[in-house]
C-alpha atoms as a PDB file:
ATOM      1  CA  MET A   1     -38.265  -5.182   0.111  1.00  0.00           C
ATOM      2  CA  PHE A   2     -35.187  -5.521  -2.092  1.00  0.00           C
ATOM      3  CA  ARG A   3     -33.984  -2.038  -1.152  1.00  0.00           C
ATOM      4  CA  SER A   4     -34.367  -2.680   2.591  1.00  0.00           C
ATOM      5  CA  ILE A   5     -32.505  -6.002   2.367  1.00  0.00           C
ATOM      6  CA  VAL A   6     -29.580  -4.428   0.546  1.00  0.00           C
ATOM      7  CA  ILE A   7     -29.375  -1.505   2.981  1.00  0.00           C
ATOM      8  CA  THR A   8     -29.412  -3.936   5.923  1.00  0.00           C
ATOM      9  CA  ILE A   9     -26.585  -6.018   4.453  1.00  0.00           C
ATOM     10  CA  PHE A  10     -24.450  -2.948   3.712  1.00  0.00           C
ATOM     11  CA  ALA A  11     -25.056  -1.691   7.254  1.00  0.00           C
ATOM     12  CA  LEU A  12     -24.034  -5.011   8.800  1.00  0.00           C
ATOM     13  CA  LEU A  13     -20.857  -5.056   6.724  1.00  0.00           C
ATOM     14  CA  ALA A  14     -20.029  -1.527   7.821  1.00  0.00           C
ATOM     15  CA  LEU A  15     -20.635  -2.321  11.493  1.00  0.00           C
ATOM     16  CA  SER A  16     -18.532  -5.494  11.291  1.00  0.00           C
ATOM     17  CA  SER A  17     -15.579  -3.690   9.775  1.00  0.00           C
ATOM     18  CA  ALA A  18     -12.432  -4.946  11.449  1.00  0.00           C
ATOM     19  CA  ARG A  19      -9.386  -2.843  12.046  1.00  0.00           C
ATOM     20  CA  ALA A  20      -6.935  -3.460   9.240  1.00  0.00           C
ATOM     21  CA  GLU A  21      -3.371  -4.435  10.041  1.00  0.00           C
ATOM     22  CA  ARG A  22      -1.155  -1.398  10.457  1.00  0.00           C
ATOM     23  CA  VAL A  23       1.398  -1.328   7.664  1.00  0.00           C
ATOM     24  CA  ALA A  24       4.177   1.258   7.581  1.00  0.00           C
ATOM     25  CA  PRO A  25       3.888   3.707   4.667  1.00  0.00           C
ATOM     26  CA  GLU A  26       7.132   2.472   3.086  1.00  0.00           C
ATOM     27  CA  GLN A  27       5.777  -1.102   3.051  1.00  0.00           C
ATOM     28  CA  ARG A  28       2.487  -0.318   1.280  1.00  0.00           C
ATOM     29  CA  VAL A  29       2.039  -1.155  -2.402  1.00  0.00           C
ATOM     30  CA  GLN A  30       1.928   2.245  -4.048  1.00  0.00           C
ATOM     31  CA  LEU A  31      -0.427   1.561  -6.935  1.00  0.00           C
ATOM     32  CA  ALA A  32      -3.482   3.605  -7.859  1.00  0.00           C
ATOM     33  CA  ASP A  33      -6.188   2.277 -10.222  1.00  0.00           C
ATOM     34  CA  PRO A  34      -5.006  -1.264  -9.380  1.00  0.00           C
ATOM     35  CA  PHE A  35      -5.788  -4.409 -11.344  1.00  0.00           C
ATOM     36  CA  ILE A  36      -4.904  -8.008 -10.411  1.00  0.00           C
ATOM     37  CA  LEU A  37      -4.327 -10.859 -12.861  1.00  0.00           C
ATOM     38  CA  LEU A  38      -4.009 -14.465 -11.666  1.00  0.00           C
ATOM     39  CA  HIS A  39      -1.835 -16.492 -14.043  1.00  0.00           C
ATOM     40  CA  ASP A  40      -0.216 -19.900 -13.463  1.00  0.00           C
ATOM     41  CA  GLY A  41      -0.601 -19.618  -9.692  1.00  0.00           C
ATOM     42  CA  THR A  42       0.905 -16.143  -9.385  1.00  0.00           C
ATOM     43  CA  TYR A  43      -0.912 -12.849  -8.830  1.00  0.00           C
ATOM     44  CA  TYR A  44       0.226  -9.850 -10.870  1.00  0.00           C
ATOM     45  CA  ALA A  45      -0.770  -6.345  -9.796  1.00  0.00           C
ATOM     46  CA  TYR A  46      -0.582  -3.400 -12.199  1.00  0.00           C
ATOM     47  CA  GLY A  47      -1.458   0.223 -11.580  1.00  0.00           C
ATOM     48  CA  THR A  48      -0.869   3.935 -11.886  1.00  0.00           C
ATOM     49  CA  HIS A  49       2.334   5.192 -10.275  1.00  0.00           C
ATOM     50  CA  ASN A  50       5.419   5.382 -12.492  1.00  0.00           C
ATOM     51  CA  ARG A  51       5.913   8.385 -14.782  1.00  0.00           C
ATOM     52  CA  ASN A  52       7.942   6.219 -17.174  1.00  0.00           C
ATOM     53  CA  GLY A  53       5.229   3.655 -17.828  1.00  0.00           C
ATOM     54  CA  ILE A  54       3.314   0.863 -16.096  1.00  0.00           C
ATOM     55  CA  GLU A  55       4.920  -1.104 -13.287  1.00  0.00           C
ATOM     56  CA  TYR A  56       3.906  -4.377 -11.653  1.00  0.00           C
ATOM     57  CA  TYR A  57       4.177  -6.461  -8.481  1.00  0.00           C
ATOM     58  CA  THR A  58       3.852 -10.226  -7.946  1.00  0.00           C
ATOM     59  CA  SER A  59       2.469 -12.280  -5.059  1.00  0.00           C
ATOM     60  CA  ASN A  60       1.661 -15.855  -4.124  1.00  0.00           C
ATOM     61  CA  ASP A  61      -0.876 -15.053  -1.395  1.00  0.00           C
ATOM     62  CA  LEU A  62      -2.225 -11.507  -2.065  1.00  0.00           C
ATOM     63  CA  ARG A  63      -0.707 -10.227   1.181  1.00  0.00           C
ATOM     64  CA  LYS A  64       3.036 -10.149   0.505  1.00  0.00           C
ATOM     65  CA  TRP A  65       4.109  -8.520  -2.743  1.00  0.00           C
ATOM     66  CA  HIS A  66       7.401  -8.251  -4.630  1.00  0.00           C
ATOM     67  CA  TYR A  67       8.228  -5.343  -6.912  1.00  0.00           C
ATOM     68  CA  GLY A  68       8.796  -6.541 -10.485  1.00  0.00           C
ATOM     69  CA  GLY A  69       9.731  -3.412 -12.438  1.00  0.00           C
ATOM     70  CA  ILE A  70       8.208  -1.730 -15.459  1.00  0.00           C
ATOM     71  CA  ALA A  71       6.019  -3.963 -17.632  1.00  0.00           C
ATOM     72  CA  LEU A  72       5.320  -1.242 -20.220  1.00  0.00           C
ATOM     73  CA  HIS A  73       7.955   1.446 -20.767  1.00  0.00           C
ATOM     74  CA  LYS A  74       7.098   4.742 -22.422  1.00  0.00           C
ATOM     75  CA  ASP A  75       9.619   3.963 -25.173  1.00  0.00           C
ATOM     76  CA  ASN A  76       7.320   1.132 -26.292  1.00  0.00           C
ATOM     77  CA  SER A  77       3.996   2.925 -25.865  1.00  0.00           C
ATOM     78  CA  TYR A  78       1.770   5.631 -27.197  1.00  0.00           C
ATOM     79  CA  GLY A  79       2.490   8.974 -25.547  1.00  0.00           C
ATOM     80  CA  THR A  80       5.174  10.063 -23.120  1.00  0.00           C
ATOM     81  CA  LYS A  81       3.248  10.817 -19.914  1.00  0.00           C
ATOM     82  CA  TRP A  82       0.153  10.177 -17.782  1.00  0.00           C
ATOM     83  CA  PHE A  83       0.283   6.381 -17.777  1.00  0.00           C
ATOM     84  CA  TRP A  84      -2.868   5.326 -15.966  1.00  0.00           C
ATOM     85  CA  ALA A  85      -5.281   2.518 -15.172  1.00  0.00           C
ATOM     86  CA  PRO A  86      -3.718  -0.586 -16.794  1.00  0.00           C
ATOM     87  CA  GLU A  87      -5.548  -3.888 -17.084  1.00  0.00           C
ATOM     88  CA  VAL A  88      -3.964  -7.104 -18.413  1.00  0.00           C
ATOM     89  CA  TYR A  89      -5.729 -10.105 -19.981  1.00  0.00           C
ATOM     90  CA  LEU A  90      -4.521 -13.391 -21.455  1.00  0.00           C
ATOM     91  CA  ILE A  91      -6.210 -13.998 -24.812  1.00  0.00           C
ATOM     92  CA  GLU A  92      -5.293 -16.839 -27.129  1.00  0.00           C
ATOM     93  CA  GLY A  93      -1.784 -17.148 -25.721  1.00  0.00           C
ATOM     94  CA  LYS A  94      -0.977 -13.426 -25.773  1.00  0.00           C
ATOM     95  CA  PHE A  95      -1.204 -10.815 -23.016  1.00  0.00           C
ATOM     96  CA  TYR A  96      -3.060  -7.595 -23.775  1.00  0.00           C
ATOM     97  CA  MET A  97      -2.586  -4.481 -21.652  1.00  0.00           C
ATOM     98  CA  TYR A  98      -5.303  -1.837 -21.932  1.00  0.00           C
ATOM     99  CA  TYR A  99      -4.110   1.467 -20.493  1.00  0.00           C
ATOM    100  CA  THR A 100      -4.370   5.254 -20.703  1.00  0.00           C
ATOM    101  CA  ALA A 101      -1.661   7.664 -21.855  1.00  0.00           C
ATOM    102  CA  GLU A 102      -2.085  11.398 -22.383  1.00  0.00           C
ATOM    103  CA  ASN A 103      -5.872  11.097 -22.022  1.00  0.00           C
ATOM    104  CA  ARG A 104      -6.094   8.500 -24.788  1.00  0.00           C
ATOM    105  CA  ILE A 105      -7.015   4.806 -24.503  1.00  0.00           C
ATOM    106  CA  CYS A 106      -4.441   2.348 -25.821  1.00  0.00           C
ATOM    107  CA  VAL A 107      -3.492  -1.328 -25.972  1.00  0.00           C
ATOM    108  CA  ALA A 108      -0.103  -3.053 -25.962  1.00  0.00           C
ATOM    109  CA  THR A 109       0.813  -6.751 -26.100  1.00  0.00           C
ATOM    110  CA  ALA A 110       3.433  -9.118 -24.699  1.00  0.00           C
ATOM    111  CA  ASP A 111       4.266 -12.810 -24.475  1.00  0.00           C
ATOM    112  CA  SER A 112       4.529 -12.657 -20.682  1.00  0.00           C
ATOM    113  CA  PRO A 113       2.498 -10.962 -17.917  1.00  0.00           C
ATOM    114  CA  THR A 114       5.722  -9.198 -16.886  1.00  0.00           C
ATOM    115  CA  GLY A 115       6.285  -7.790 -20.371  1.00  0.00           C
ATOM    116  CA  PRO A 116       7.958  -6.155 -22.014  1.00  0.00           C
ATOM    117  CA  PHE A 117       4.639  -4.908 -23.383  1.00  0.00           C
ATOM    118  CA  LYS A 118       4.948  -3.120 -26.701  1.00  0.00           C
ATOM    119  CA  GLN A 119       2.629  -1.131 -28.890  1.00  0.00           C
ATOM    120  CA  VAL A 120       3.769  -1.762 -32.446  1.00  0.00           C
ATOM    121  CA  GLU A 121       1.563   0.966 -33.907  1.00  0.00           C
ATOM    122  CA  LYS A 122       1.816   3.868 -31.495  1.00  0.00           C
ATOM    123  CA  VAL A 123      -1.696   5.186 -31.957  1.00  0.00           C
ATOM    124  CA  SER A 124      -4.627   5.421 -29.577  1.00  0.00           C
ATOM    125  CA  MET A 125      -7.785   3.390 -30.016  1.00  0.00           C
ATOM    126  CA  LEU A 126      -9.857   6.589 -30.381  1.00  0.00           C
ATOM    127  CA  PRO A 127      -7.475   9.182 -31.878  1.00  0.00           C
ATOM    128  CA  ASN A 128     -10.024  12.003 -31.906  1.00  0.00           C
ATOM    129  CA  GLU A 129     -11.548  11.474 -28.483  1.00  0.00           C
ATOM    130  CA  HIS A 130     -10.317  12.327 -25.000  1.00  0.00           C
ATOM    131  CA  ALA A 131     -10.896   9.086 -23.133  1.00  0.00           C
ATOM    132  CA  ILE A 132      -9.444   7.149 -20.182  1.00  0.00           C
ATOM    133  CA  ASP A 133      -9.918   3.977 -18.113  1.00  0.00           C
ATOM    134  CA  ASN A 134     -10.579   1.299 -20.712  1.00  0.00           C
ATOM    135  CA  THR A 135     -11.597  -2.177 -19.558  1.00  0.00           C
ATOM    136  CA  LEU A 136     -12.149  -5.323 -21.617  1.00  0.00           C
ATOM    137  CA  PHE A 137     -15.132  -7.640 -21.316  1.00  0.00           C
ATOM    138  CA  ILE A 138     -15.549 -10.775 -23.450  1.00  0.00           C
ATOM    139  CA  ASP A 139     -19.133 -12.040 -23.438  1.00  0.00           C
ATOM    140  CA  ASP A 140     -20.246 -15.675 -23.361  1.00  0.00           C
ATOM    141  CA  ASP A 141     -20.469 -15.819 -27.162  1.00  0.00           C
ATOM    142  CA  GLY A 142     -16.860 -14.620 -27.492  1.00  0.00           C
ATOM    143  CA  THR A 143     -17.714 -11.064 -28.556  1.00  0.00           C
ATOM    144  CA  PRO A 144     -15.204  -8.569 -27.086  1.00  0.00           C
ATOM    145  CA  TYR A 145     -16.366  -5.211 -25.735  1.00  0.00           C
ATOM    146  CA  LEU A 146     -14.403  -2.236 -24.517  1.00  0.00           C
ATOM    147  CA  PHE A 147     -15.820   0.035 -21.829  1.00  0.00           C
ATOM    148  CA  TYR A 148     -14.138   3.395 -21.385  1.00  0.00           C
ATOM    149  CA  VAL A 149     -14.590   6.884 -19.969  1.00  0.00           C
ATOM    150  CA  HIS A 150     -15.429   9.694 -22.370  1.00  0.00           C
ATOM    151  CA  ILE A 151     -14.292  13.125 -21.164  1.00  0.00           C
ATOM    152  CA  LYS A 152     -16.556  15.938 -22.292  1.00  0.00           C
ATOM    153  CA  HIS A 153     -18.826  17.983 -20.039  1.00  0.00           C
ATOM    154  CA  GLY A 154     -17.995  15.586 -17.230  1.00  0.00           C
ATOM    155  CA  PHE A 155     -16.844  11.970 -17.191  1.00  0.00           C
ATOM    156  CA  HIS A 156     -19.240   9.510 -18.872  1.00  0.00           C
ATOM    157  CA  ILE A 157     -18.906   5.760 -19.460  1.00  0.00           C
ATOM    158  CA  LYS A 158     -19.373   4.272 -22.928  1.00  0.00           C
ATOM    159  CA  VAL A 159     -19.092   0.802 -24.483  1.00  0.00           C
ATOM    160  CA  ALA A 160     -18.108  -0.383 -27.952  1.00  0.00           C
ATOM    161  CA  GLU A 161     -17.671  -3.729 -29.639  1.00  0.00           C
ATOM    162  CA  LEU A 162     -14.148  -4.682 -30.723  1.00  0.00           C
ATOM    163  CA  GLU A 163     -12.937  -6.496 -33.794  1.00  0.00           C
ATOM    164  CA  ARG A 164     -11.513  -9.951 -33.075  1.00  0.00           C
ATOM    165  CA  ASP A 165      -8.017  -8.448 -33.020  1.00  0.00           C
ATOM    166  CA  TYR A 166      -9.070  -7.057 -29.581  1.00  0.00           C
ATOM    167  CA  MET A 167      -7.590  -3.703 -30.588  1.00  0.00           C
ATOM    168  CA  THR A 168      -9.903  -2.103 -33.136  1.00  0.00           C
ATOM    169  CA  ILE A 169     -13.104  -0.373 -32.039  1.00  0.00           C
ATOM    170  CA  LYS A 170     -16.157  -0.798 -34.229  1.00  0.00           C
ATOM    171  CA  GLN A 171     -17.084   2.857 -34.436  1.00  0.00           C
ATOM    172  CA  ASN A 172     -20.733   2.259 -35.285  1.00  0.00           C
ATOM    173  CA  THR A 173     -21.244   0.300 -32.060  1.00  0.00           C
ATOM    174  CA  ILE A 174     -20.223   3.023 -29.591  1.00  0.00           C
ATOM    175  CA  THR A 175     -23.022   3.375 -27.029  1.00  0.00           C
ATOM    176  CA  HIS A 176     -23.470   5.615 -24.013  1.00  0.00           C
ATOM    177  CA  CYS A 177     -23.889   3.726 -20.712  1.00  0.00           C
ATOM    178  CA  ILE A 178     -23.985   6.017 -17.671  1.00  0.00           C
ATOM    179  CA  LYS A 179     -23.223   9.567 -16.617  1.00  0.00           C
ATOM    180  CA  PRO A 180     -22.950  11.192 -13.160  1.00  0.00           C
ATOM    181  CA  LYS A 181     -26.498  11.893 -12.008  1.00  0.00           C
ATOM    182  CA  GLN A 182     -26.529  10.683  -8.424  1.00  0.00           C
ATOM    183  CA  ARG A 183     -25.708  13.361  -5.861  1.00  0.00           C
ATOM    184  CA  TRP A 184     -22.704  11.520  -4.339  1.00  0.00           C
ATOM    185  CA  GLU A 185     -21.036  11.451  -7.801  1.00  0.00           C
ATOM    186  CA  GLN A 186     -20.993  15.250  -8.077  1.00  0.00           C
ATOM    187  CA  VAL A 187     -19.412  16.455  -4.830  1.00  0.00           C
ATOM    188  CA  GLU A 188     -16.107  17.298  -6.542  1.00  0.00           C
ATOM    189  CA  GLY A 189     -16.590  17.349 -10.312  1.00  0.00           C
ATOM    190  CA  LYS A 190     -19.128  15.292 -12.238  1.00  0.00           C
ATOM    191  CA  VAL A 191     -17.443  11.934 -12.552  1.00  0.00           C
ATOM    192  CA  ASN A 192     -18.208   8.328 -13.497  1.00  0.00           C
ATOM    193  CA  GLU A 193     -14.944   6.494 -14.213  1.00  0.00           C
ATOM    194  CA  GLY A 194     -12.943   3.301 -13.713  1.00  0.00           C
ATOM    195  CA  PRO A 195     -15.534   0.800 -15.007  1.00  0.00           C
ATOM    196  CA  SER A 196     -15.249  -2.970 -14.692  1.00  0.00           C
ATOM    197  CA  ILE A 197     -17.828  -5.590 -15.676  1.00  0.00           C
ATOM    198  CA  VAL A 198     -19.010  -8.819 -14.073  1.00  0.00           C
ATOM    199  CA  LYS A 199     -21.676 -11.063 -15.613  1.00  0.00           C
ATOM    200  CA  HIS A 200     -23.789 -13.212 -13.325  1.00  0.00           C
ATOM    201  CA  ASP A 201     -26.811 -15.320 -14.281  1.00  0.00           C
ATOM    202  CA  GLY A 202     -27.437 -13.279 -17.427  1.00  0.00           C
ATOM    203  CA  LEU A 203     -27.102  -9.889 -15.715  1.00  0.00           C
ATOM    204  CA  TYR A 204     -24.282  -7.396 -16.271  1.00  0.00           C
ATOM    205  CA  PHE A 205     -22.893  -5.602 -13.220  1.00  0.00           C
ATOM    206  CA  MET A 206     -20.846  -2.471 -13.830  1.00  0.00           C
ATOM    207  CA  PHE A 207     -18.661  -1.372 -10.940  1.00  0.00           C
ATOM    208  CA  TYR A 208     -17.441   2.192 -11.330  1.00  0.00           C
ATOM    209  CA  SER A 209     -16.047   5.137  -9.385  1.00  0.00           C
ATOM    210  CA  GLY A 210     -17.919   8.343  -8.701  1.00  0.00           C
ATOM    211  CA  ASN A 211     -16.836  11.825  -7.661  1.00  0.00           C
ATOM    212  CA  GLY A 212     -13.404  13.376  -8.333  1.00  0.00           C
ATOM    213  CA  TYR A 213     -10.517  11.116  -7.297  1.00  0.00           C
ATOM    214  CA  THR A 214      -8.954  13.847  -5.142  1.00  0.00           C
ATOM    215  CA  SER A 215     -12.063  14.004  -2.974  1.00  0.00           C
ATOM    216  CA  GLN A 216     -12.058  12.074   0.281  1.00  0.00           C
ATOM    217  CA  ASN A 217     -15.629  11.064  -0.683  1.00  0.00           C
ATOM    218  CA  TYR A 218     -14.500   9.253  -3.828  1.00  0.00           C
ATOM    219  CA  GLY A 219     -16.382   5.948  -3.850  1.00  0.00           C
ATOM    220  CA  ILE A 220     -17.597   2.858  -5.712  1.00  0.00           C
ATOM    221  CA  GLY A 221     -21.028   2.506  -7.284  1.00  0.00           C
ATOM    222  CA  CYS A 222     -22.767  -0.216  -9.256  1.00  0.00           C
ATOM    223  CA  ALA A 223     -25.145  -0.248 -12.219  1.00  0.00           C
ATOM    224  CA  ILE A 224     -26.989  -3.309 -13.567  1.00  0.00           C
ATOM    225  CA  ALA A 225     -28.239  -4.154 -17.074  1.00  0.00           C
ATOM    226  CA  ARG A 226     -29.845  -7.095 -18.869  1.00  0.00           C
ATOM    227  CA  ASN A 227     -28.168  -6.113 -22.142  1.00  0.00           C
ATOM    228  CA  ILE A 228     -24.516  -5.146 -22.373  1.00  0.00           C
ATOM    229  CA  ARG A 229     -25.468  -1.973 -24.236  1.00  0.00           C
ATOM    230  CA  GLY A 230     -27.997  -1.063 -21.573  1.00  0.00           C
ATOM    231  CA  PRO A 231     -30.099   0.491 -20.365  1.00  0.00           C
ATOM    232  CA  TRP A 232     -28.049   0.529 -17.151  1.00  0.00           C
ATOM    233  CA  ARG A 233     -29.804   1.040 -13.819  1.00  0.00           C
ATOM    234  CA  LYS A 234     -27.754   2.519 -11.005  1.00  0.00           C
ATOM    235  CA  LEU A 235     -28.421   1.123  -7.558  1.00  0.00           C
ATOM    236  CA  PRO A 236     -30.222   3.669  -5.356  1.00  0.00           C
ATOM    237  CA  GLU A 237     -28.039   2.379  -2.479  1.00  0.00           C
ATOM    238  CA  ASN A 238     -24.859   3.710  -4.136  1.00  0.00           C
ATOM    239  CA  PRO A 239     -22.111   4.181  -3.157  1.00  0.00           C
ATOM    240  CA  ILE A 240     -21.561   0.560  -2.137  1.00  0.00           C
ATOM    241  CA  LEU A 241     -18.018   1.243  -0.903  1.00  0.00           C
ATOM    242  CA  GLN A 242     -16.960   4.590   0.548  1.00  0.00           C
ATOM    243  CA  LEU A 243     -14.868   5.642   3.565  1.00  0.00           C
ATOM    244  CA  PRO A 244     -14.283   2.106   4.950  1.00  0.00           C
ATOM    245  CA  GLY A 245     -12.416   2.025   8.246  1.00  0.00           C
ATOM    246  CA  ARG A 246      -9.658   4.646   8.276  1.00  0.00           C
ATOM    247  CA  LEU A 247      -9.501   5.004   4.493  1.00  0.00           C
ATOM    248  CA  VAL A 248     -10.500   8.053   2.447  1.00  0.00           C
ATOM    249  CA  GLY A 249     -10.533   8.601  -1.312  1.00  0.00           C
ATOM    250  CA  VAL A 250     -11.517   4.980  -1.976  1.00  0.00           C
ATOM    251  CA  GLY A 251     -12.108   3.969  -5.586  1.00  0.00           C
ATOM    252  CA  HIS A 252     -11.096   2.804  -9.056  1.00  0.00           C
ATOM    253  CA  GLY A 253     -10.882  -0.889  -8.356  1.00  0.00           C
ATOM    254  CA  ALA A 254     -11.557  -4.157 -10.168  1.00  0.00           C
ATOM    255  CA  PRO A 255     -13.094  -7.525  -9.260  1.00  0.00           C
ATOM    256  CA  PHE A 256     -10.965 -10.667  -9.491  1.00  0.00           C
ATOM    257  CA  TYR A 257     -11.019 -14.306  -8.362  1.00  0.00           C
ATOM    258  CA  ASP A 258      -8.406 -15.860  -6.090  1.00  0.00           C
ATOM    259  CA  LYS A 259      -6.889 -19.340  -6.386  1.00  0.00           C
ATOM    260  CA  LYS A 260      -9.846 -20.867  -4.528  1.00  0.00           C
ATOM    261  CA  GLY A 261     -12.353 -19.220  -6.848  1.00  0.00           C
ATOM    262  CA  ASP A 262     -13.489 -16.673  -4.259  1.00  0.00           C
ATOM    263  CA  MET A 263     -14.335 -13.183  -5.500  1.00  0.00           C
ATOM    264  CA  HIS A 264     -12.321 -10.179  -4.330  1.00  0.00           C
ATOM    265  CA  TYR A 265     -12.122  -6.483  -5.099  1.00  0.00           C
ATOM    266  CA  VAL A 266      -8.864  -4.533  -5.364  1.00  0.00           C
ATOM    267  CA  PHE A 267      -8.985  -0.753  -5.028  1.00  0.00           C
ATOM    268  CA  HIS A 268      -6.909   2.260  -4.043  1.00  0.00           C
ATOM    269  CA  ALA A 269      -7.228   4.909  -1.348  1.00  0.00           C
ATOM    270  CA  HIS A 270      -5.514   8.185  -0.555  1.00  0.00           C
ATOM    271  CA  ASN A 271      -2.129   8.051   1.109  1.00  0.00           C
ATOM    272  CA  SER A 272      -3.649   9.506   4.295  1.00  0.00           C
ATOM    273  CA  SER A 273      -6.386  11.831   5.485  1.00  0.00           C
ATOM    274  CA  GLU A 274      -3.994  14.718   4.771  1.00  0.00           C
ATOM    275  CA  LYS A 275      -2.333  13.587   1.508  1.00  0.00           C
ATOM    276  CA  VAL A 276      -3.776  12.181  -1.727  1.00  0.00           C
ATOM    277  CA  HIS A 277      -0.508  10.877  -3.221  1.00  0.00           C
ATOM    278  CA  PRO A 278       0.993   8.376  -3.471  1.00  0.00           C
ATOM    279  CA  ARG A 279      -2.193   6.332  -3.418  1.00  0.00           C
ATOM    280  CA  CYS A 280      -1.952   2.728  -2.213  1.00  0.00           C
ATOM    281  CA  MET A 281      -3.575  -0.628  -2.974  1.00  0.00           C
ATOM    282  CA  TYR A 282      -6.087  -2.465  -0.756  1.00  0.00           C
ATOM    283  CA  ILE A 283      -8.056  -5.711  -1.151  1.00  0.00           C
ATOM    284  CA  THR A 284     -11.417  -6.868   0.178  1.00  0.00           C
ATOM    285  CA  ARG A 285     -13.997  -9.577  -0.448  1.00  0.00           C
ATOM    286  CA  MET A 286     -17.029  -9.149  -2.653  1.00  0.00           C
ATOM    287  CA  ALA A 287     -19.917 -11.231  -3.944  1.00  0.00           C
ATOM    288  CA  ILE A 288     -23.065 -11.188  -6.037  1.00  0.00           C
ATOM    289  CA  LYS A 289     -25.921 -12.205  -3.731  1.00  0.00           C
ATOM    290  CA  ARG A 290     -29.524 -13.126  -4.386  1.00  0.00           C
ATOM    291  CA  SER A 291     -32.723 -12.284  -2.544  1.00  0.00           C
ATOM    292  CA  GLY A 292     -35.818 -13.783  -4.142  1.00  0.00           C
ATOM    293  CA  LYS A 293     -35.617 -12.906  -7.824  1.00  0.00           C
ATOM    294  CA  GLU A 294     -33.226  -9.984  -7.307  1.00  0.00           C
ATOM    295  CA  TYR A 295     -29.418  -9.986  -7.433  1.00  0.00           C
ATOM    296  CA  TYR A 296     -27.290  -7.403  -5.711  1.00  0.00           C
ATOM    297  CA  PRO A 297     -23.545  -6.829  -5.179  1.00  0.00           C
ATOM    298  CA  VAL A 298     -21.842  -6.705  -1.805  1.00  0.00           C
ATOM    299  CA  ILE A 299     -18.343  -5.310  -1.227  1.00  0.00           C
ATOM    300  CA  SER A 300     -17.072  -5.822   2.308  1.00  0.00           C
ATOM    301  CA  ASN A 301     -15.638  -2.971   4.397  1.00  0.00           C
ATOM    302  CA  ARG A 302     -13.229  -5.473   5.959  1.00  0.00           C
ATOM    303  CA  TYR A 303     -10.244  -4.760   3.745  1.00  0.00           C
ATOM    304  CA  PHE A 304      -6.632  -5.833   4.243  1.00  0.00           C
ATOM    305  CA  VAL A 305      -3.425  -4.001   3.397  1.00  0.00           C
ATOM    306  CA  PRO A 306      -1.042  -5.702   0.926  1.00  0.00           C
ATOM    307  CA  LYS A 307       2.577  -5.003   1.820  1.00  0.00           C
ATOM    308  CA  ILE A 308       5.911  -5.120   0.057  1.00  0.00           C
ATOM    309  CA  SER A 309       8.108  -8.065   0.991  1.00  0.00           C
ATOM    310  CA  LYS A 310      11.856  -7.884   0.491  1.00  0.00           C
END
């Protein structure tokens, strides 16, 4: 029953997909692996794009965006290249940016969401492990956890508890979460990456990307757990977002709430059906729904295209 309800809802969303506004390529927000922070009435978008560090955009309405510059410059970071997948959180009056550089997970801090973010000790959080795509989750009891992607024999997602400095991983807590087992996750490479966590009514929902990012069949899946360390159960209906409208290569997004408290999902897609780069940012609605005793996630295919405003 649960499975049929979810499939029906996904089908209705797909059929109701509206044509997105046409936005000229030069007006699109060129951010891959995007993340949106709402702070003091302003939206801040961060992502993968600049070879010199992590850049950001600002918006008042999610549709028109202004380029802000580089929030984290490579002079103030670990590594000198491959600056990917930033996420920014306000914790106890300080902004923490979790990001990837040179296939290592890192964290930098600033007094403002625009930076300048700096990493005082230029070391990675896991010096001996190739890892990317770290995301922070602070549970109801205040315990901080870091989810990240371990790269070895494919891309696997792990979780670890952090010390209360929000920077130091408790090594003895590292736990495996999921690995690419579903067929759609193995079309081009064996990949589970880009995790983000939402907690709803005691359940943990992990949204993640599957398949290689260069594939047009890159997509979004979801796994659910009752304990943050698992076991995690992938939805058999995965992927829950793939090839919406005209877009290909859809993935590596993050949930966020707008000023009204409504839930959205920001993600990237390929530049076109012919070109992967530069990837661009898109936004859609999402929700956690309930049917009987079961909860399930819904991400709408009716996305809109943020554009750069002069």
